[in-house]
Amino acid sequence: MHSNNELTLYQKIRNDIISGELKQSEKITEVKLAKKYNVSRTPIREVIKQLELEYFIKDSYIFIPTTEEYRNIFEMRILFETYALEKAGIIFTESDIAELRSYTEIDINNEDEEHILEINDKFHQKIMSATNNPFIQESYQKLKSFIYLFSKTVISKRRPGLIEEHAEIVEALNNRNINEALDLLESHLKKDLEFSLYYLSFKN
């Protein structure tokens, strides 16, 4: 795993990609990043590898997915998360459901963006933990850059119903209405997709 220092470097570069601080037209090289972030090339090399794994960087440039690619990625995300939720319906205990519920007890209008992002991530990661499958987990982690970008858009624009939909999923799961929970989750993710694409289309 990364040391804290490298993790910070990774987050810094990742956030600079998302904010547009690192230009999409600029070639990304170890030398250039080492100079910009005032570190040696070794940690930069590690960070670039990680960002390539997560599809942030492709062929030394910032990866800009097309709308079609976003839709394909979300199709994968829906497959992963609905599969995980189905498993959760079988294996989640009351305390698992209580943990999931705790991530829905948040006032989206009175919290800062980073905190909501973190809670939102914990909610979806908790569902994914039900797979108990490291291969699925690893594939899901590779979608992180897109998930992060979408979450950031959804949360910074305070998408209506975001947390309420999480709460509805938890209640359906708690009542063991698994089909209802699956429908709610799929609908929730599709709303995230359409909402984000609407805003992201203005950035391009």
C-alpha atoms as a PDB file:
ATOM      1  CA  MET A   1       0.000   0.000   0.000  1.00  0.00           C
ATOM      2  CA  HIS A   2       0.938   3.657  -0.326  1.00  0.00           C
ATOM      3  CA  SER A   3       2.583   5.505   2.484  1.00  0.00           C
ATOM      4  CA  ASN A   4       0.609   8.516   3.682  1.00  0.00           C
ATOM      5  CA  ASN A   5       2.921  10.799   1.805  1.00  0.00           C
ATOM      6  CA  GLU A   6       2.361   9.065  -1.514  1.00  0.00           C
ATOM      7  CA  LEU A   7      -1.362   8.809  -0.894  1.00  0.00           C
ATOM      8  CA  THR A   8      -1.432  12.557  -0.448  1.00  0.00           C
ATOM      9  CA  LEU A   9       0.512  12.980  -3.678  1.00  0.00           C
ATOM     10  CA  TYR A  10      -1.897  10.617  -5.445  1.00  0.00           C
ATOM     11  CA  GLN A  11      -4.930  12.536  -4.141  1.00  0.00           C
ATOM     12  CA  LYS A  12      -3.340  15.857  -5.085  1.00  0.00           C
ATOM     13  CA  ILE A  13      -2.655  14.784  -8.668  1.00  0.00           C
ATOM     14  CA  ARG A  14      -6.048  13.089  -8.970  1.00  0.00           C
ATOM     15  CA  ASN A  15      -7.805  16.236  -7.739  1.00  0.00           C
ATOM     16  CA  ASP A  16      -5.746  18.395 -10.095  1.00  0.00           C
ATOM     17  CA  ILE A  17      -6.908  16.212 -12.984  1.00  0.00           C
ATOM     18  CA  ILE A  18     -10.545  16.524 -11.920  1.00  0.00           C
ATOM     19  CA  SER A  19     -10.367  20.284 -11.322  1.00  0.00           C
ATOM     20  CA  GLY A  20      -8.676  20.896 -14.677  1.00  0.00           C
ATOM     21  CA  GLU A  21      -5.473  22.202 -13.044  1.00  0.00           C
ATOM     22  CA  LEU A  22      -3.666  19.611 -15.194  1.00  0.00           C
ATOM     23  CA  LYS A  23      -4.623  20.410 -18.765  1.00  0.00           C
ATOM     24  CA  GLN A  24      -6.201  17.704 -20.893  1.00  0.00           C
ATOM     25  CA  SER A  25      -4.138  18.695 -23.923  1.00  0.00           C
ATOM     26  CA  GLU A  26      -0.819  18.483 -22.060  1.00  0.00           C
ATOM     27  CA  LYS A  27       1.310  15.343 -22.202  1.00  0.00           C
ATOM     28  CA  ILE A  28       1.792  13.873 -18.726  1.00  0.00           C
ATOM     29  CA  THR A  29       5.403  12.893 -18.056  1.00  0.00           C
ATOM     30  CA  GLU A  30       7.245  11.829 -14.912  1.00  0.00           C
ATOM     31  CA  VAL A  31       9.727  14.688 -15.320  1.00  0.00           C
ATOM     32  CA  LYS A  32       7.013  17.324 -15.631  1.00  0.00           C
ATOM     33  CA  LEU A  33       5.013  16.046 -12.637  1.00  0.00           C
ATOM     34  CA  ALA A  34       8.111  15.564 -10.467  1.00  0.00           C
ATOM     35  CA  LYS A  35       8.980  19.210 -11.108  1.00  0.00           C
ATOM     36  CA  LYS A  36       5.426  20.474 -10.564  1.00  0.00           C
ATOM     37  CA  TYR A  37       4.940  18.626  -7.260  1.00  0.00           C
ATOM     38  CA  ASN A  38       8.543  19.012  -6.151  1.00  0.00           C
ATOM     39  CA  VAL A  39       9.193  15.302  -5.578  1.00  0.00           C
ATOM     40  CA  SER A  40      11.458  12.676  -7.116  1.00  0.00           C
ATOM     41  CA  ARG A  41      10.340  10.616 -10.093  1.00  0.00           C
ATOM     42  CA  THR A  42       9.926   7.371  -8.106  1.00  0.00           C
ATOM     43  CA  PRO A  43       6.723   8.288  -6.237  1.00  0.00           C
ATOM     44  CA  ILE A  44       5.431   9.999  -9.395  1.00  0.00           C
ATOM     45  CA  ARG A  45       5.935   6.743 -11.317  1.00  0.00           C
ATOM     46  CA  GLU A  46       3.825   4.885  -8.716  1.00  0.00           C
ATOM     47  CA  VAL A  47       1.075   7.495  -8.834  1.00  0.00           C
ATOM     48  CA  ILE A  48       0.940   7.445 -12.644  1.00  0.00           C
ATOM     49  CA  LYS A  49       0.610   3.640 -12.556  1.00  0.00           C
ATOM     50  CA  GLN A  50      -2.278   3.917 -10.110  1.00  0.00           C
ATOM     51  CA  LEU A  51      -3.982   6.628 -12.183  1.00  0.00           C
ATOM     52  CA  GLU A  52      -3.613   4.521 -15.334  1.00  0.00           C
ATOM     53  CA  LEU A  53      -5.212   1.572 -13.524  1.00  0.00           C
ATOM     54  CA  GLU A  54      -8.140   3.778 -12.567  1.00  0.00           C
ATOM     55  CA  TYR A  55      -8.467   5.158 -16.114  1.00  0.00           C
ATOM     56  CA  PHE A  56      -7.534   8.710 -15.142  1.00  0.00           C
ATOM     57  CA  ILE A  57      -4.563   8.658 -17.515  1.00  0.00           C
ATOM     58  CA  LYS A  58      -4.330   6.838 -20.824  1.00  0.00           C
ATOM     59  CA  ASP A  59      -1.363   6.893 -23.219  1.00  0.00           C
ATOM     60  CA  SER A  60       0.257   9.747 -21.211  1.00  0.00           C
ATOM     61  CA  TYR A  61      -2.782  12.002 -21.506  1.00  0.00           C
ATOM     62  CA  ILE A  62      -5.750  12.636 -19.239  1.00  0.00           C
ATOM     63  CA  PHE A  63      -8.424  10.215 -20.326  1.00  0.00           C
ATOM     64  CA  ILE A  64     -11.599  11.976 -21.467  1.00  0.00           C
ATOM     65  CA  PRO A  65     -14.384   9.440 -21.905  1.00  0.00           C
ATOM     66  CA  THR A  66     -17.113   9.974 -24.465  1.00  0.00           C
ATOM     67  CA  THR A  67     -20.760   9.945 -23.390  1.00  0.00           C
ATOM     68  CA  GLU A  68     -20.973   6.422 -24.809  1.00  0.00           C
ATOM     69  CA  GLU A  69     -18.013   5.289 -22.694  1.00  0.00           C
ATOM     70  CA  TYR A  70     -19.610   6.823 -19.597  1.00  0.00           C
ATOM     71  CA  ARG A  71     -22.783   4.884 -20.305  1.00  0.00           C
ATOM     72  CA  ASN A  72     -20.798   1.661 -20.773  1.00  0.00           C
ATOM     73  CA  ILE A  73     -18.960   2.246 -17.501  1.00  0.00           C
ATOM     74  CA  PHE A  74     -22.215   2.848 -15.660  1.00  0.00           C
ATOM     75  CA  GLU A  75     -23.640  -0.335 -17.147  1.00  0.00           C
ATOM     76  CA  MET A  76     -20.722  -2.152 -15.481  1.00  0.00           C
ATOM     77  CA  ARG A  77     -21.232  -0.260 -12.250  1.00  0.00           C
ATOM     78  CA  ILE A  78     -24.939  -1.208 -12.186  1.00  0.00           C
ATOM     79  CA  LEU A  79     -24.013  -4.873 -12.789  1.00  0.00           C
ATOM     80  CA  PHE A  80     -21.480  -4.838  -9.937  1.00  0.00           C
ATOM     81  CA  GLU A  81     -23.608  -3.005  -7.402  1.00  0.00           C
ATOM     82  CA  THR A  82     -26.875  -4.839  -8.056  1.00  0.00           C
ATOM     83  CA  TYR A  83     -25.024  -8.153  -7.809  1.00  0.00           C
ATOM     84  CA  ALA A  84     -23.492  -6.981  -4.515  1.00  0.00           C
ATOM     85  CA  LEU A  85     -26.866  -5.807  -3.192  1.00  0.00           C
ATOM     86  CA  GLU A  86     -28.411  -9.182  -3.989  1.00  0.00           C
ATOM     87  CA  LYS A  87     -25.641 -10.796  -1.924  1.00  0.00           C
ATOM     88  CA  ALA A  88     -26.183  -8.235   0.844  1.00  0.00           C
ATOM     89  CA  GLY A  89     -29.829  -9.342   0.989  1.00  0.00           C
ATOM     90  CA  ILE A  90     -28.588 -12.797   1.974  1.00  0.00           C
ATOM     91  CA  ILE A  91     -25.583 -12.101   4.185  1.00  0.00           C
ATOM     92  CA  PHE A  92     -26.038  -8.636   5.728  1.00  0.00           C
ATOM     93  CA  THR A  93     -26.746  -8.742   9.439  1.00  0.00           C
ATOM     94  CA  GLU A  94     -28.716  -6.146  11.387  1.00  0.00           C
ATOM     95  CA  SER A  95     -25.484  -4.355  12.271  1.00  0.00           C
ATOM     96  CA  ASP A  96     -24.465  -4.225   8.572  1.00  0.00           C
ATOM     97  CA  ILE A  97     -27.818  -2.657   7.740  1.00  0.00           C
ATOM     98  CA  ALA A  98     -27.461  -0.260  10.680  1.00  0.00           C
ATOM     99  CA  GLU A  99     -24.059   0.813   9.315  1.00  0.00           C
ATOM    100  CA  LEU A 100     -25.557   1.348   5.875  1.00  0.00           C
ATOM    101  CA  ARG A 101     -28.408   3.349   7.424  1.00  0.00           C
ATOM    102  CA  SER A 102     -25.932   5.542   9.331  1.00  0.00           C
ATOM    103  CA  TYR A 103     -24.620   6.781   5.954  1.00  0.00           C
ATOM    104  CA  THR A 104     -28.089   8.080   5.061  1.00  0.00           C
ATOM    105  CA  GLU A 105     -28.561  10.215   8.179  1.00  0.00           C
ATOM    106  CA  ILE A 106     -26.991  13.324   6.749  1.00  0.00           C
ATOM    107  CA  ASP A 107     -28.384  16.680   5.664  1.00  0.00           C
ATOM    108  CA  ILE A 108     -26.919  17.164   2.216  1.00  0.00           C
ATOM    109  CA  ASN A 109     -27.616  20.906   2.273  1.00  0.00           C
ATOM    110  CA  ASN A 110     -25.711  21.600   5.472  1.00  0.00           C
ATOM    111  CA  GLU A 111     -22.615  19.450   5.023  1.00  0.00           C
ATOM    112  CA  ASP A 112     -19.458  20.283   3.179  1.00  0.00           C
ATOM    113  CA  GLU A 113     -18.817  18.632  -0.161  1.00  0.00           C
ATOM    114  CA  GLU A 114     -15.841  16.481   0.892  1.00  0.00           C
ATOM    115  CA  HIS A 115     -17.785  14.997   3.807  1.00  0.00           C
ATOM    116  CA  ILE A 116     -20.787  14.123   1.616  1.00  0.00           C
ATOM    117  CA  LEU A 117     -18.422  12.590  -0.968  1.00  0.00           C
ATOM    118  CA  GLU A 118     -16.874  10.440   1.734  1.00  0.00           C
ATOM    119  CA  ILE A 119     -20.251   9.303   3.133  1.00  0.00           C
ATOM    120  CA  ASN A 120     -21.555   8.591  -0.374  1.00  0.00           C
ATOM    121  CA  ASP A 121     -18.448   6.505  -1.119  1.00  0.00           C
ATOM    122  CA  LYS A 122     -18.801   4.571   2.161  1.00  0.00           C
ATOM    123  CA  PHE A 123     -22.426   3.757   1.326  1.00  0.00           C
ATOM    124  CA  HIS A 124     -21.556   2.231  -2.059  1.00  0.00           C
ATOM    125  CA  GLN A 125     -18.365   0.542  -0.768  1.00  0.00           C
ATOM    126  CA  LYS A 126     -20.394  -1.073   2.035  1.00  0.00           C
ATOM    127  CA  ILE A 127     -22.797  -2.561  -0.516  1.00  0.00           C
ATOM    128  CA  MET A 128     -19.826  -3.779  -2.580  1.00  0.00           C
ATOM    129  CA  SER A 129     -18.274  -5.458   0.483  1.00  0.00           C
ATOM    130  CA  ALA A 130     -21.124  -8.003   0.375  1.00  0.00           C
ATOM    131  CA  THR A 131     -19.566  -9.693  -2.674  1.00  0.00           C
ATOM    132  CA  ASN A 132     -16.629 -11.002  -0.581  1.00  0.00           C
ATOM    133  CA  ASN A 133     -14.904 -11.376  -3.935  1.00  0.00           C
ATOM    134  CA  PRO A 134     -11.487  -9.714  -4.347  1.00  0.00           C
ATOM    135  CA  PHE A 135     -11.637  -9.966  -8.142  1.00  0.00           C
ATOM    136  CA  ILE A 136     -14.953  -8.127  -8.317  1.00  0.00           C
ATOM    137  CA  GLN A 137     -13.695  -5.603  -5.748  1.00  0.00           C
ATOM    138  CA  GLU A 138     -10.581  -4.934  -7.805  1.00  0.00           C
ATOM    139  CA  SER A 139     -12.554  -4.443 -11.017  1.00  0.00           C
ATOM    140  CA  TYR A 140     -14.924  -2.101  -9.178  1.00  0.00           C
ATOM    141  CA  GLN A 141     -11.976  -0.074  -7.831  1.00  0.00           C
ATOM    142  CA  LYS A 142     -10.823   0.480 -11.397  1.00  0.00           C
ATOM    143  CA  LEU A 143     -14.024   2.414 -12.044  1.00  0.00           C
ATOM    144  CA  LYS A 144     -13.175   4.739  -9.164  1.00  0.00           C
ATOM    145  CA  SER A 145     -12.105   7.713 -11.253  1.00  0.00           C
ATOM    146  CA  PHE A 146     -15.434   7.815 -13.071  1.00  0.00           C
ATOM    147  CA  ILE A 147     -17.397   7.166  -9.908  1.00  0.00           C
ATOM    148  CA  TYR A 148     -15.487   9.964  -8.189  1.00  0.00           C
ATOM    149  CA  LEU A 149     -16.046  12.390 -11.051  1.00  0.00           C
ATOM    150  CA  PHE A 150     -19.757  11.606 -11.144  1.00  0.00           C
ATOM    151  CA  SER A 151     -20.116  11.759  -7.369  1.00  0.00           C
ATOM    152  CA  LYS A 152     -18.360  15.119  -7.354  1.00  0.00           C
ATOM    153  CA  THR A 153     -20.790  16.496  -9.941  1.00  0.00           C
ATOM    154  CA  VAL A 154     -23.849  14.963  -8.282  1.00  0.00           C
ATOM    155  CA  ILE A 155     -22.805  16.282  -4.873  1.00  0.00           C
ATOM    156  CA  SER A 156     -21.481  19.720  -5.830  1.00  0.00           C
ATOM    157  CA  LYS A 157     -24.761  20.339  -7.680  1.00  0.00           C
ATOM    158  CA  ARG A 158     -26.674  18.766  -4.748  1.00  0.00           C
ATOM    159  CA  ARG A 159     -28.778  16.385  -6.833  1.00  0.00           C
ATOM    160  CA  PRO A 160     -32.292  16.294  -5.314  1.00  0.00           C
ATOM    161  CA  GLY A 161     -33.229  12.988  -3.687  1.00  0.00           C
ATOM    162  CA  LEU A 162     -29.681  11.647  -3.553  1.00  0.00           C
ATOM    163  CA  ILE A 163     -29.593  10.677   0.141  1.00  0.00           C
ATOM    164  CA  GLU A 164     -33.338   9.898   0.304  1.00  0.00           C
ATOM    165  CA  GLU A 165     -32.810   7.294  -2.420  1.00  0.00           C
ATOM    166  CA  HIS A 166     -30.030   5.724  -0.345  1.00  0.00           C
ATOM    167  CA  ALA A 167     -32.423   5.581   2.623  1.00  0.00           C
ATOM    168  CA  GLU A 168     -35.129   3.883   0.492  1.00  0.00           C
ATOM    169  CA  ILE A 169     -32.619   1.237  -0.647  1.00  0.00           C
ATOM    170  CA  VAL A 170     -31.682   0.529   2.993  1.00  0.00           C
ATOM    171  CA  GLU A 171     -35.340   0.189   4.050  1.00  0.00           C
ATOM    172  CA  ALA A 172     -36.143  -2.213   1.198  1.00  0.00           C
ATOM    173  CA  LEU A 173     -33.045  -4.240   2.127  1.00  0.00           C
ATOM    174  CA  ASN A 174     -34.022  -4.202   5.802  1.00  0.00           C
ATOM    175  CA  ASN A 175     -37.501  -5.512   4.912  1.00  0.00           C
ATOM    176  CA  ARG A 176     -35.835  -8.140   2.686  1.00  0.00           C
ATOM    177  CA  ASN A 177     -37.663  -6.756  -0.346  1.00  0.00           C
ATOM    178  CA  ILE A 178     -34.647  -7.521  -2.478  1.00  0.00           C
ATOM    179  CA  ASN A 179     -36.275  -6.963  -5.881  1.00  0.00           C
ATOM    180  CA  GLU A 180     -37.509  -3.559  -4.765  1.00  0.00           C
ATOM    181  CA  ALA A 181     -34.032  -2.707  -3.401  1.00  0.00           C
ATOM    182  CA  LEU A 182     -32.436  -3.739  -6.723  1.00  0.00           C
ATOM    183  CA  ASP A 183     -34.890  -1.610  -8.730  1.00  0.00           C
ATOM    184  CA  LEU A 184     -34.263   1.354  -6.434  1.00  0.00           C
ATOM    185  CA  LEU A 185     -30.481   1.007  -6.728  1.00  0.00           C
ATOM    186  CA  GLU A 186     -30.566   0.739 -10.517  1.00  0.00           C
ATOM    187  CA  SER A 187     -32.867   3.747 -10.781  1.00  0.00           C
ATOM    188  CA  HIS A 188     -30.608   5.686  -8.355  1.00  0.00           C
ATOM    189  CA  LEU A 189     -27.478   5.012 -10.425  1.00  0.00           C
ATOM    190  CA  LYS A 190     -29.229   5.866 -13.694  1.00  0.00           C
ATOM    191  CA  LYS A 191     -30.335   9.207 -12.230  1.00  0.00           C
ATOM    192  CA  ASP A 192     -26.733   9.881 -11.164  1.00  0.00           C
ATOM    193  CA  LEU A 193     -25.585   9.118 -14.704  1.00  0.00           C
ATOM    194  CA  GLU A 194     -28.107  11.363 -16.481  1.00  0.00           C
ATOM    195  CA  PHE A 195     -27.689  14.185 -13.964  1.00  0.00           C
ATOM    196  CA  SER A 196     -23.894  14.098 -14.285  1.00  0.00           C
ATOM    197  CA  LEU A 197     -23.851  13.817 -18.070  1.00  0.00           C
ATOM    198  CA  TYR A 198     -26.089  16.885 -18.226  1.00  0.00           C
ATOM    199  CA  TYR A 199     -23.551  18.953 -16.271  1.00  0.00           C
ATOM    200  CA  LEU A 200     -20.415  17.352 -17.706  1.00  0.00           C
ATOM    201  CA  SER A 201     -21.587  18.122 -21.244  1.00  0.00           C
ATOM    202  CA  PHE A 202     -21.208  21.830 -20.435  1.00  0.00           C
ATOM    203  CA  LYS A 203     -17.574  21.361 -19.382  1.00  0.00           C
ATOM    204  CA  ASN A 204     -16.457  19.784 -22.648  1.00  0.00           C
END
